C-alpha cells in the first residue's frame, strides 16, 4: 500500500530554506512514498489541497504532521500524527 505524508508548516520559512532537499530528507527518514509540504513556497494552500494531490497520485495511507522551523532554520516535525486515509 502506497503511503503519503503531509507536513503542515507553522511559521514562515527561512529565506535560504530548500524545499526540494527537505522533501528528499523527510521521505528518506519517514519511509513514505510521497511527501507534500504546506508552506508559502511549496504551492499547497491547505491540507485538503495536499491530501487531494496525494490521493490522485495513488496514495492509500495518508498521514498529516505539523512541522515548525527552529531558530537555526531547520524544519522539525512534531510527534503528533493525524491519519487522513488508510
Protein backbone atom coordinates (compact mmCIF):
# COMPACT_ATOMS: atom_id res chain seq x y z
CA UNK A 1 0.00 0.00 0.00
CA UNK A 2 1.46 3.36 -1.01
CA UNK A 3 1.74 5.93 1.75
CA UNK A 4 1.95 9.70 1.75
CA UNK A 5 2.79 12.33 4.33
CA UNK A 6 1.57 15.91 4.58
CA UNK A 7 3.67 18.34 6.60
CA UNK A 8 1.75 21.44 7.64
CA UNK A 9 4.42 24.01 8.48
CA UNK A 10 3.68 26.56 11.18
CA UNK A 11 5.51 29.85 10.73
CA UNK A 12 7.41 31.43 7.90
CA UNK A 13 10.19 29.52 6.18
CA UNK A 14 13.74 30.93 6.35
CA UNK A 15 14.99 32.70 3.22
CA UNK A 16 17.64 30.05 2.49
CA UNK A 17 15.34 27.04 3.04
CA UNK A 18 15.47 24.45 0.24
CA UNK A 19 12.07 22.74 -0.10
CA UNK A 20 13.31 20.06 -2.54
CA UNK A 21 16.13 18.99 -0.23
CA UNK A 22 13.72 18.96 2.73
CA UNK A 23 11.26 16.74 0.80
CA UNK A 24 14.03 14.27 -0.02
CA UNK A 25 15.26 14.19 3.59
CA UNK A 26 11.79 13.70 5.10
CA UNK A 27 10.93 10.99 2.58
CA UNK A 28 14.12 9.11 3.43
CA UNK A 29 13.68 9.44 7.20
CA UNK A 30 9.97 8.56 7.32
CA UNK A 31 9.86 5.71 4.76
CA UNK A 32 6.84 7.09 2.87
CA UNK A 33 6.32 7.08 -0.88
CA UNK A 34 5.46 10.77 -1.30
CA UNK A 35 5.68 13.90 0.86
CA UNK A 36 3.79 17.17 0.43
CA UNK A 37 4.83 20.21 2.47
CA UNK A 38 2.45 23.11 3.02
CA UNK A 39 4.25 26.49 3.07
CA UNK A 40 4.11 29.68 1.02
CA UNK A 41 6.92 28.37 -1.22
CA UNK A 42 5.62 24.85 -1.95
CA UNK A 43 2.39 25.69 -3.75
CA UNK A 44 -0.11 23.94 -1.47
CA UNK A 45 -2.60 26.22 0.20
CA UNK A 46 -4.09 23.89 2.81
CA UNK A 47 -4.26 20.28 4.00
CA UNK A 48 -7.14 19.45 1.65
CA UNK A 49 -5.14 20.60 -1.37
CA UNK A 50 -2.15 18.41 -0.41
CA UNK A 51 -4.43 15.47 0.51
CA UNK A 52 -6.15 15.62 -2.87
CA UNK A 53 -2.77 15.72 -4.61
CA UNK A 54 -1.61 12.57 -2.79
CA UNK A 55 -4.89 10.75 -3.49
CA UNK A 56 -4.64 11.44 -7.22
CA UNK A 57 -1.10 10.03 -7.17
CA UNK A 58 -2.37 6.71 -5.76
CA UNK A 59 -1.58 7.07 -2.06
CA UNK A 60 -3.84 4.89 0.12
CA UNK A 61 -2.46 5.72 3.58
CA UNK A 62 -2.03 9.45 4.22
CA UNK A 63 -0.77 10.98 7.44
CA UNK A 64 -0.56 14.64 8.41
CA UNK A 65 2.03 16.09 10.80
CA UNK A 66 2.88 19.59 11.96
CA UNK A 67 6.33 21.00 11.28
CA UNK A 68 7.97 24.14 12.59
CA UNK A 69 11.24 25.90 11.95
CA UNK A 70 13.79 26.05 14.72
CA UNK A 71 15.71 29.30 15.37
CA UNK A 72 18.57 27.75 13.36
CA UNK A 73 16.23 27.37 10.35
CA UNK A 74 15.79 23.59 10.47
CA UNK A 75 12.37 22.04 9.94
CA UNK A 76 11.38 19.82 12.87
CA UNK A 77 8.33 17.55 12.99
CA UNK A 78 6.07 17.07 15.97
CA UNK A 79 5.36 13.56 17.17
CA UNK A 80 1.61 14.00 16.67
CA UNK A 81 0.08 12.32 13.64
CA UNK A 82 -3.35 12.59 12.09
CA UNK A 83 -4.28 9.73 9.74
CA UNK A 84 -6.39 11.08 6.89
CA UNK A 85 -6.71 7.85 4.87
CA UNK A 86 -5.90 4.18 5.34
